All heavy atoms as atom14 arrays in JSON, in Angstrom:
{
  "sequence": "TNCVGVGHNDAGISTDVATGCRGESDTASGIFANY",
  "atom14_mask": [
    [1, 1, 1, 1, 1, 1, 1, 0, 0, 0, 0, 0, 0, 0],
    [1, 1, 1, 1, 1, 1, 1, 1, 0, 0, 0, 0, 0, 0],
    [1, 1, 1, 1, 1, 1, 0, 0, 0, 0, 0, 0, 0, 0],
    [1, 1, 1, 1, 1, 1, 1, 0, 0, 0, 0, 0, 0, 0],
    [1, 1, 1, 1, 0, 0, 0, 0, 0, 0, 0, 0, 0, 0],
    [1, 1, 1, 1, 1, 1, 1, 0, 0, 0, 0, 0, 0, 0],
    [1, 1, 1, 1, 0, 0, 0, 0, 0, 0, 0, 0, 0, 0],
    [1, 1, 1, 1, 1, 1, 1, 1, 1, 1, 0, 0, 0, 0],
    [1, 1, 1, 1, 1, 1, 1, 1, 0, 0, 0, 0, 0, 0],
    [1, 1, 1, 1, 1, 1, 1, 1, 0, 0, 0, 0, 0, 0],
    [1, 1, 1, 1, 1, 0, 0, 0, 0, 0, 0, 0, 0, 0],
    [1, 1, 1, 1, 0, 0, 0, 0, 0, 0, 0, 0, 0, 0],
    [1, 1, 1, 1, 1, 1, 1, 1, 0, 0, 0, 0, 0, 0],
    [1, 1, 1, 1, 1, 1, 0, 0, 0, 0, 0, 0, 0, 0],
    [1, 1, 1, 1, 1, 1, 1, 0, 0, 0, 0, 0, 0, 0],
    [1, 1, 1, 1, 1, 1, 1, 1, 0, 0, 0, 0, 0, 0],
    [1, 1, 1, 1, 1, 1, 1, 0, 0, 0, 0, 0, 0, 0],
    [1, 1, 1, 1, 1, 0, 0, 0, 0, 0, 0, 0, 0, 0],
    [1, 1, 1, 1, 1, 1, 1, 0, 0, 0, 0, 0, 0, 0],
    [1, 1, 1, 1, 0, 0, 0, 0, 0, 0, 0, 0, 0, 0],
    [1, 1, 1, 1, 1, 1, 0, 0, 0, 0, 0, 0, 0, 0],
    [1, 1, 1, 1, 1, 1, 1, 1, 1, 1, 1, 0, 0, 0],
    [1, 1, 1, 1, 0, 0, 0, 0, 0, 0, 0, 0, 0, 0],
    [1, 1, 1, 1, 1, 1, 1, 1, 1, 0, 0, 0, 0, 0],
    [1, 1, 1, 1, 1, 1, 0, 0, 0, 0, 0, 0, 0, 0],
    [1, 1, 1, 1, 1, 1, 1, 1, 0, 0, 0, 0, 0, 0],
    [1, 1, 1, 1, 1, 1, 1, 0, 0, 0, 0, 0, 0, 0],
    [1, 1, 1, 1, 1, 0, 0, 0, 0, 0, 0, 0, 0, 0],
    [1, 1, 1, 1, 1, 1, 0, 0, 0, 0, 0, 0, 0, 0],
    [1, 1, 1, 1, 0, 0, 0, 0, 0, 0, 0, 0, 0, 0],
    [1, 1, 1, 1, 1, 1, 1, 1, 0, 0, 0, 0, 0, 0],
    [1, 1, 1, 1, 1, 1, 1, 1, 1, 1, 1, 0, 0, 0],
    [1, 1, 1, 1, 1, 0, 0, 0, 0, 0, 0, 0, 0, 0],
    [1, 1, 1, 1, 1, 1, 1, 1, 0, 0, 0, 0, 0, 0],
    [1, 1, 1, 1, 1, 1, 1, 1, 1, 1, 1, 1, 0, 0]
  ],
  "atom14_positions": [
    [[0.84, -1.2, 0.0], [0.0, 0.0, 0.0], [0.88, 1.25, 0.0], [1.8, 1.36, 0.81], [-0.92, 0.02, 1.24], [-1.69, -1.19, 1.27], [-1.85, 1.21, 1.2], [0.0, 0.0, 0.0], [0.0, 0.0, 0.0], [0.0, 0.0, 0.0], [0.0, 0.0, 0.0], [0.0, 0.0, 0.0], [0.0, 0.0, 0.0], [0.0, 0.0, 0.0]],
    [[0.59, 2.15, -0.94], [1.31, 3.42, -1.02], [2.82, 3.2, -1.1], [3.6, 3.84, -0.4], [0.97, 4.32, 0.17], [-0.5, 4.64, 0.25], [-1.19, 4.69, -0.77], [-1.0, 4.85, 1.45], [0.0, 0.0, 0.0], [0.0, 0.0, 0.0], [0.0, 0.0, 0.0], [0.0, 0.0, 0.0], [0.0, 0.0, 0.0], [0.0, 0.0, 0.0]],
    [[3.23, 2.27, -1.96], [4.65, 1.93, -2.09], [5.17, 2.24, -3.48], [4.42, 2.35, -4.44], [4.86, 0.43, -1.8], [4.55, -0.04, -0.09], [0.0, 0.0, 0.0], [0.0, 0.0, 0.0], [0.0, 0.0, 0.0], [0.0, 0.0, 0.0], [0.0, 0.0, 0.0], [0.0, 0.0, 0.0], [0.0, 0.0, 0.0], [0.0, 0.0, 0.0]],
    [[6.49, 2.36, -3.55], [7.19, 2.49, -4.83], [8.22, 1.37, -4.9], [9.03, 1.21, -3.98], [7.89, 3.85, -4.96], [8.71, 3.9, -6.25], [6.87, 4.98, -4.93], [0.0, 0.0, 0.0], [0.0, 0.0, 0.0], [0.0, 0.0, 0.0], [0.0, 0.0, 0.0], [0.0, 0.0, 0.0], [0.0, 0.0, 0.0], [0.0, 0.0, 0.0]],
    [[8.18, 0.6, -5.98], [9.13, -0.48, -6.16], [9.79, -0.39, -7.53], [9.09, -0.21, -8.53], [0.0, 0.0, 0.0], [0.0, 0.0, 0.0], [0.0, 0.0, 0.0], [0.0, 0.0, 0.0], [0.0, 0.0, 0.0], [0.0, 0.0, 0.0], [0.0, 0.0, 0.0], [0.0, 0.0, 0.0], [0.0, 0.0, 0.0], [0.0, 0.0, 0.0]],
    [[11.11, -0.51, -7.55], [11.86, -0.48, -8.81], [12.67, -1.77, -8.91], [13.49, -2.06, -8.03], [12.8, 0.74, -8.87], [13.58, 0.73, -10.18], [12.0, 2.03, -8.73], [0.0, 0.0, 0.0], [0.0, 0.0, 0.0], [0.0, 0.0, 0.0], [0.0, 0.0, 0.0], [0.0, 0.0, 0.0], [0.0, 0.0, 0.0], [0.0, 0.0, 0.0]],
    [[12.42, -2.54, -9.97], [13.12, -3.8, -10.14], [13.93, -3.83, -11.43], [13.49, -3.29, -12.45], [0.0, 0.0, 0.0], [0.0, 0.0, 0.0], [0.0, 0.0, 0.0], [0.0, 0.0, 0.0], [0.0, 0.0, 0.0], [0.0, 0.0, 0.0], [0.0, 0.0, 0.0], [0.0, 0.0, 0.0], [0.0, 0.0, 0.0], [0.0, 0.0, 0.0]],
    [[15.09, -4.45, -11.36], [15.84, -4.7, -12.58], [15.95, -6.22, -12.75], [16.32, -6.94, -11.84], [17.22, -4.04, -12.55], [18.07, -4.38, -11.37], [18.95, -5.43, -11.37], [18.18, -3.81, -10.15], [19.57, -5.51, -10.22], [19.11, -4.53, -9.44], [0.0, 0.0, 0.0], [0.0, 0.0, 0.0], [0.0, 0.0, 0.0], [0.0, 0.0, 0.0]],
    [[15.56, -6.7, -13.91], [15.51, -8.13, -14.23], [14.35, -8.85, -13.56], [14.24, -10.07, -13.68], [16.81, -8.85, -13.9], [17.98, -8.33, -14.7], [17.82, -7.94, -15.86], [19.16, -8.3, -14.1], [0.0, 0.0, 0.0], [0.0, 0.0, 0.0], [0.0, 0.0, 0.0], [0.0, 0.0, 0.0], [0.0, 0.0, 0.0], [0.0, 0.0, 0.0]],
    [[13.51, -8.16, -12.83], [12.3, -8.75, -12.26], [11.32, -7.63, -11.96], [11.56, -6.48, -12.29], [12.61, -9.57, -11.01], [11.69, -10.78, -10.86], [10.47, -10.61, -11.06], [12.17, -11.88, -10.56], [0.0, 0.0, 0.0], [0.0, 0.0, 0.0], [0.0, 0.0, 0.0], [0.0, 0.0, 0.0], [0.0, 0.0, 0.0], [0.0, 0.0, 0.0]],
    [[10.21, -7.98, -11.29], [9.12, -7.03, -11.1], [9.52, -5.86, -10.21], [10.33, -6.0, -9.28], [7.92, -7.73, -10.5], [0.0, 0.0, 0.0], [0.0, 0.0, 0.0], [0.0, 0.0, 0.0], [0.0, 0.0, 0.0], [0.0, 0.0, 0.0], [0.0, 0.0, 0.0], [0.0, 0.0, 0.0], [0.0, 0.0, 0.0], [0.0, 0.0, 0.0]],
    [[8.9, -4.71, -10.47], [9.04, -3.59, -9.55], [8.35, -3.89, -8.24], [8.93, -3.76, -7.17], [0.0, 0.0, 0.0], [0.0, 0.0, 0.0], [0.0, 0.0, 0.0], [0.0, 0.0, 0.0], [0.0, 0.0, 0.0], [0.0, 0.0, 0.0], [0.0, 0.0, 0.0], [0.0, 0.0, 0.0], [0.0, 0.0, 0.0], [0.0, 0.0, 0.0]],
    [[7.09, -4.31, -8.3], [6.33, -4.75, -7.13], [5.64, -6.05, -7.48], [4.95, -6.15, -8.5], [5.28, -3.7, -6.71], [5.95, -2.42, -6.24], [4.38, -4.26, -5.6], [4.98, -1.31, -5.88], [0.0, 0.0, 0.0], [0.0, 0.0, 0.0], [0.0, 0.0, 0.0], [0.0, 0.0, 0.0], [0.0, 0.0, 0.0], [0.0, 0.0, 0.0]],
    [[5.83, -7.06, -6.65], [5.15, -8.35, -6.82], [4.39, -8.64, -5.53], [4.99, -8.79, -4.46], [6.16, -9.46, -7.09], [5.51, -10.72, -7.2], [0.0, 0.0, 0.0], [0.0, 0.0, 0.0], [0.0, 0.0, 0.0], [0.0, 0.0, 0.0], [0.0, 0.0, 0.0], [0.0, 0.0, 0.0], [0.0, 0.0, 0.0], [0.0, 0.0, 0.0]],
    [[3.05, -8.71, -5.61], [2.24, -8.83, -4.41], [0.92, -9.5, -4.76], [0.66, -9.85, -5.91], [2.0, -7.44, -3.79], [1.3, -7.58, -2.56], [1.21, -6.54, -4.73], [0.0, 0.0, 0.0], [0.0, 0.0, 0.0], [0.0, 0.0, 0.0], [0.0, 0.0, 0.0], [0.0, 0.0, 0.0], [0.0, 0.0, 0.0], [0.0, 0.0, 0.0]],
    [[0.07, -9.69, -3.76], [-1.28, -10.19, -4.0], [-2.25, -9.05, -4.22], [-3.07, -9.07, -5.12], [-1.74, -11.06, -2.83], [-1.02, -12.39, -2.78], [-0.71, -12.94, -3.85], [-0.76, -12.89, -1.68], [0.0, 0.0, 0.0], [0.0, 0.0, 0.0], [0.0, 0.0, 0.0], [0.0, 0.0, 0.0], [0.0, 0.0, 0.0], [0.0, 0.0, 0.0]],
    [[-2.16, -8.01, -3.37], [-3.04, -6.86, -3.47], [-2.18, -5.59, -3.44], [-1.4, -5.39, -2.5], [-4.07, -6.82, -2.32], [-4.93, -5.57, -2.41], [-4.94, -8.07, -2.33], [0.0, 0.0, 0.0], [0.0, 0.0, 0.0], [0.0, 0.0, 0.0], [0.0, 0.0, 0.0], [0.0, 0.0, 0.0], [0.0, 0.0, 0.0], [0.0, 0.0, 0.0]],
    [[-2.31, -4.77, -4.47], [-1.57, -3.51, -4.53], [-2.56, -2.35, -4.5], [-3.54, -2.34, -5.27], [-0.72, -3.45, -5.79], [0.0, 0.0, 0.0], [0.0, 0.0, 0.0], [0.0, 0.0, 0.0], [0.0, 0.0, 0.0], [0.0, 0.0, 0.0], [0.0, 0.0, 0.0], [0.0, 0.0, 0.0], [0.0, 0.0, 0.0], [0.0, 0.0, 0.0]],
    [[-2.31, -1.37, -3.64], [-3.18, -0.21, -3.51], [-2.34, 1.06, -3.49], [-1.44, 1.2, -2.66], [-4.02, -0.28, -2.22], [-4.73, -1.51, -2.18], [-5.0, 0.88, -2.15], [0.0, 0.0, 0.0], [0.0, 0.0, 0.0], [0.0, 0.0, 0.0], [0.0, 0.0, 0.0], [0.0, 0.0, 0.0], [0.0, 0.0, 0.0], [0.0, 0.0, 0.0]],
    [[-2.61, 1.96, -4.42], [-1.9, 3.23, -4.43], [-0.41, 3.1, -4.65], [0.36, 3.88, -4.09], [0.0, 0.0, 0.0], [0.0, 0.0, 0.0], [0.0, 0.0, 0.0], [0.0, 0.0, 0.0], [0.0, 0.0, 0.0], [0.0, 0.0, 0.0], [0.0, 0.0, 0.0], [0.0, 0.0, 0.0], [0.0, 0.0, 0.0], [0.0, 0.0, 0.0]],
    [[0.01, 2.13, -5.46], [1.44, 1.85, -5.64], [1.93, 2.25, -7.03], [1.15, 2.36, -7.98], [1.72, 0.37, -5.43], [1.48, -0.19, -3.73], [0.0, 0.0, 0.0], [0.0, 0.0, 0.0], [0.0, 0.0, 0.0], [0.0, 0.0, 0.0], [0.0, 0.0, 0.0], [0.0, 0.0, 0.0], [0.0, 0.0, 0.0], [0.0, 0.0, 0.0]],
    [[3.24, 2.41, -7.13], [3.9, 2.62, -8.4], [5.04, 1.61, -8.52], [5.89, 1.51, -7.62], [4.46, 4.04, -8.51], [5.2, 4.32, -9.83], [5.85, 5.7, -9.83], [6.6, 5.96, -11.06], [6.12, 6.56, -12.14], [4.85, 6.98, -12.13], [6.87, 6.75, -13.2], [0.0, 0.0, 0.0], [0.0, 0.0, 0.0], [0.0, 0.0, 0.0]],
    [[5.05, 0.87, -9.62], [6.1, -0.11, -9.84], [6.74, 0.08, -11.2], [6.04, 0.33, -12.2], [0.0, 0.0, 0.0], [0.0, 0.0, 0.0], [0.0, 0.0, 0.0], [0.0, 0.0, 0.0], [0.0, 0.0, 0.0], [0.0, 0.0, 0.0], [0.0, 0.0, 0.0], [0.0, 0.0, 0.0], [0.0, 0.0, 0.0], [0.0, 0.0, 0.0]],
    [[8.07, -0.06, -11.25], [8.8, 0.09, -12.5], [9.77, -1.08, -12.67], [10.38, -1.53, -11.69], [9.58, 1.41, -12.52], [8.7, 2.64, -12.4], [9.52, 3.92, -12.43], [10.72, 3.85, -12.8], [8.97, 4.98, -12.08], [0.0, 0.0, 0.0], [0.0, 0.0, 0.0], [0.0, 0.0, 0.0], [0.0, 0.0, 0.0], [0.0, 0.0, 0.0]],
    [[9.92, -1.55, -13.9], [10.86, -2.62, -14.19], [11.41, -2.46, -15.59], [10.74, -1.92, -16.48], [10.18, -3.99, -14.05], [11.07, -5.04, -14.4], [0.0, 0.0, 0.0], [0.0, 0.0, 0.0], [0.0, 0.0, 0.0], [0.0, 0.0, 0.0], [0.0, 0.0, 0.0], [0.0, 0.0, 0.0], [0.0, 0.0, 0.0], [0.0, 0.0, 0.0]],
    [[12.64, -2.95, -15.78], [13.2, -2.87, -17.12], [12.78, -4.06, -17.99], [12.48, -3.89, -19.17], [14.73, -2.78, -17.06], [15.35, -3.82, -16.14], [14.61, -4.68, -15.62], [16.59, -3.77, -15.93], [0.0, 0.0, 0.0], [0.0, 0.0, 0.0], [0.0, 0.0, 0.0], [0.0, 0.0, 0.0], [0.0, 0.0, 0.0], [0.0, 0.0, 0.0]],
    [[12.71, -5.27, -17.42], [12.43, -6.45, -18.23], [11.18, -7.21, -17.83], [10.7, -8.05, -18.6], [13.62, -7.43, -18.15], [13.79, -7.84, -16.78], [14.91, -6.77, -18.64], [0.0, 0.0, 0.0], [0.0, 0.0, 0.0], [0.0, 0.0, 0.0], [0.0, 0.0, 0.0], [0.0, 0.0, 0.0], [0.0, 0.0, 0.0], [0.0, 0.0, 0.0]],
    [[10.64, -6.97, -16.64], [9.47, -7.72, -16.16], [8.32, -6.74, -15.91], [8.35, -5.6, -16.36], [9.84, -8.49, -14.9], [0.0, 0.0, 0.0], [0.0, 0.0, 0.0], [0.0, 0.0, 0.0], [0.0, 0.0, 0.0], [0.0, 0.0, 0.0], [0.0, 0.0, 0.0], [0.0, 0.0, 0.0], [0.0, 0.0, 0.0], [0.0, 0.0, 0.0]],
    [[7.32, -7.2, -15.17], [6.16, -6.36, -14.9], [6.52, -5.21, -13.96], [7.24, -5.4, -12.97], [5.04, -7.18, -14.27], [4.6, -8.19, -15.15], [0.0, 0.0, 0.0], [0.0, 0.0, 0.0], [0.0, 0.0, 0.0], [0.0, 0.0, 0.0], [0.0, 0.0, 0.0], [0.0, 0.0, 0.0], [0.0, 0.0, 0.0], [0.0, 0.0, 0.0]],
    [[6.0, -4.03, -14.26], [6.14, -2.93, -13.31], [5.45, -3.28, -12.01], [6.04, -3.18, -10.93], [0.0, 0.0, 0.0], [0.0, 0.0, 0.0], [0.0, 0.0, 0.0], [0.0, 0.0, 0.0], [0.0, 0.0, 0.0], [0.0, 0.0, 0.0], [0.0, 0.0, 0.0], [0.0, 0.0, 0.0], [0.0, 0.0, 0.0], [0.0, 0.0, 0.0]],
    [[4.2, -3.74, -12.09], [3.47, -4.26, -10.94], [2.83, -5.59, -11.33], [2.13, -5.67, -12.34], [2.37, -3.3, -10.46], [2.98, -2.01, -9.89], [1.49, -3.97, -9.4], [1.96, -0.99, -9.43], [0.0, 0.0, 0.0], [0.0, 0.0, 0.0], [0.0, 0.0, 0.0], [0.0, 0.0, 0.0], [0.0, 0.0, 0.0], [0.0, 0.0, 0.0]],
    [[3.08, -6.62, -10.54], [2.33, -7.86, -10.63], [1.53, -8.01, -9.35], [2.11, -8.14, -8.26], [3.23, -9.07, -10.82], [2.48, -10.38, -10.74], [1.71, -10.81, -11.81], [2.51, -11.14, -9.59], [0.99, -12.0, -11.73], [1.8, -12.33, -9.5], [1.03, -12.76, -10.58], [0.0, 0.0, 0.0], [0.0, 0.0, 0.0], [0.0, 0.0, 0.0]],
    [[0.19, -7.96, -9.45], [-0.69, -8.12, -8.29], [-1.56, -9.34, -8.54], [-2.44, -9.31, -9.41], [-1.53, -6.87, -8.08], [0.0, 0.0, 0.0], [0.0, 0.0, 0.0], [0.0, 0.0, 0.0], [0.0, 0.0, 0.0], [0.0, 0.0, 0.0], [0.0, 0.0, 0.0], [0.0, 0.0, 0.0], [0.0, 0.0, 0.0], [0.0, 0.0, 0.0]],
    [[-1.34, -10.38, -7.81], [-1.98, -11.66, -8.09], [-3.5, -11.56, -8.05], [-4.19, -12.17, -8.86], [-1.49, -12.7, -7.08], [-1.91, -14.1, -7.45], [-1.98, -14.46, -8.62], [-2.18, -14.9, -6.43], [0.0, 0.0, 0.0], [0.0, 0.0, 0.0], [0.0, 0.0, 0.0], [0.0, 0.0, 0.0], [0.0, 0.0, 0.0], [0.0, 0.0, 0.0]],
    [[-4.05, -10.8, -7.11], [-5.49, -10.71, -6.94], [-6.07, -9.4, -7.45], [-7.03, -9.38, -8.2], [-5.88, -10.89, -5.46], [-5.47, -12.19, -4.86], [-5.15, -12.28, -3.5], [-5.38, -13.35, -5.62], [-4.77, -13.48, -2.93], [-5.0, -14.55, -5.05], [-4.68, -14.61, -3.71], [-4.3, -15.8, -3.15], [0.0, 0.0, 0.0], [0.0, 0.0, 0.0]]
  ]
}
């Protein structure tokens, strides 16, 4: 919740529930939210 995640070679944010987040990635998903 209300997070920023930056990933290189994988997801910026990988979670079940994302709320108010920003995710960035070079090669994978910026945000992966399972639910």
